[in-house]
């Protein structure tokens, strides 16, 4: 098991999340109740793709996707 920190921008809070070893970005997104269409996950200000492996004690920003017309 690994622990990561997820900073939720919309909710303005930080959560510590426990996931399985070799958890991917998609696993974190689903654990938080979102879909890949709803949010973008950033680490060190860089966007991650859903198949990227999460790092133990990593800090990730969960940013809502904004669209307009």
Protein backbone atom coordinates (compact mmCIF):
# COMPACT_ATOMS: atom_id res chain seq x y z
CA UNK A 1 0.00 0.00 0.00
CA UNK A 2 1.11 3.57 -0.70
CA UNK A 3 -0.01 6.92 0.65
CA UNK A 4 -0.32 10.05 -1.46
CA UNK A 5 -1.59 13.55 -0.83
CA UNK A 6 -4.30 14.89 -3.09
CA UNK A 7 -4.93 18.63 -3.14
CA UNK A 8 -8.48 19.18 -4.37
CA UNK A 9 -8.62 22.65 -5.89
CA UNK A 10 -12.41 22.86 -6.24
CA UNK A 11 -13.00 21.83 -2.62
CA UNK A 12 -9.89 23.68 -1.35
CA UNK A 13 -8.69 20.79 0.83
CA UNK A 14 -5.89 18.25 1.02
CA UNK A 15 -6.58 14.54 1.59
CA UNK A 16 -4.19 11.72 2.39
CA UNK A 17 -5.22 8.72 0.31
CA UNK A 18 -4.09 5.09 0.68
CA UNK A 19 -3.91 3.07 -2.53
CA UNK A 20 -2.52 -0.29 -3.66
CA UNK A 21 1.13 -0.57 -4.65
CA UNK A 22 1.65 0.40 -8.29
CA UNK A 23 -1.54 2.46 -8.24
CA UNK A 24 -2.05 4.64 -11.29
CA UNK A 25 -3.49 8.11 -11.75
CA UNK A 26 -6.81 6.56 -12.83
CA UNK A 27 -7.02 4.71 -9.49
CA UNK A 28 -6.63 7.98 -7.58
CA UNK A 29 -9.24 9.70 -9.75
CA UNK A 30 -11.76 6.92 -9.16
CA UNK A 31 -11.02 6.74 -5.41
CA UNK A 32 -11.89 10.45 -5.22
CA UNK A 33 -15.18 9.85 -7.06
CA UNK A 34 -14.22 11.55 -10.32
CA UNK A 35 -13.73 10.45 -13.91
CA UNK A 36 -10.86 11.24 -16.27
CA UNK A 37 -13.22 13.61 -18.11
CA UNK A 38 -13.87 15.62 -14.91
CA UNK A 39 -10.37 16.38 -13.63
CA UNK A 40 -6.73 16.86 -14.54
CA UNK A 41 -4.06 15.49 -12.19
CA UNK A 42 -0.85 17.50 -11.84
CA UNK A 43 2.48 16.69 -10.19
CA UNK A 44 5.17 19.35 -10.04
CA UNK A 45 2.91 21.55 -12.22
CA UNK A 46 2.93 18.96 -15.03
CA UNK A 47 -0.21 17.13 -16.17
CA UNK A 48 -0.20 13.34 -15.81
CA UNK A 49 -1.92 10.75 -17.96
CA UNK A 50 -4.25 8.18 -16.45
CA UNK A 51 -1.75 5.29 -16.75
CA UNK A 52 1.11 7.05 -14.91
CA UNK A 53 2.20 5.23 -11.73
CA UNK A 54 1.81 7.19 -8.49
CA UNK A 55 4.79 7.69 -6.17
CA UNK A 56 4.80 6.87 -2.45
CA UNK A 57 4.27 10.12 -0.50
CA UNK A 58 3.70 11.97 -3.77
CA UNK A 59 1.70 15.20 -3.76
CA UNK A 60 -0.84 15.57 -6.54
CA UNK A 61 -3.13 18.43 -7.50
CA UNK A 62 -6.62 17.51 -8.66
CA UNK A 63 -7.91 20.30 -10.88
CA UNK A 64 -11.42 20.40 -12.37
CA UNK A 65 -11.66 20.55 -16.13
CA UNK A 66 -13.19 23.80 -17.32
CA UNK A 67 -14.83 24.17 -20.67
CA UNK A 68 -16.80 26.97 -22.19
CA UNK A 69 -18.45 27.98 -25.33
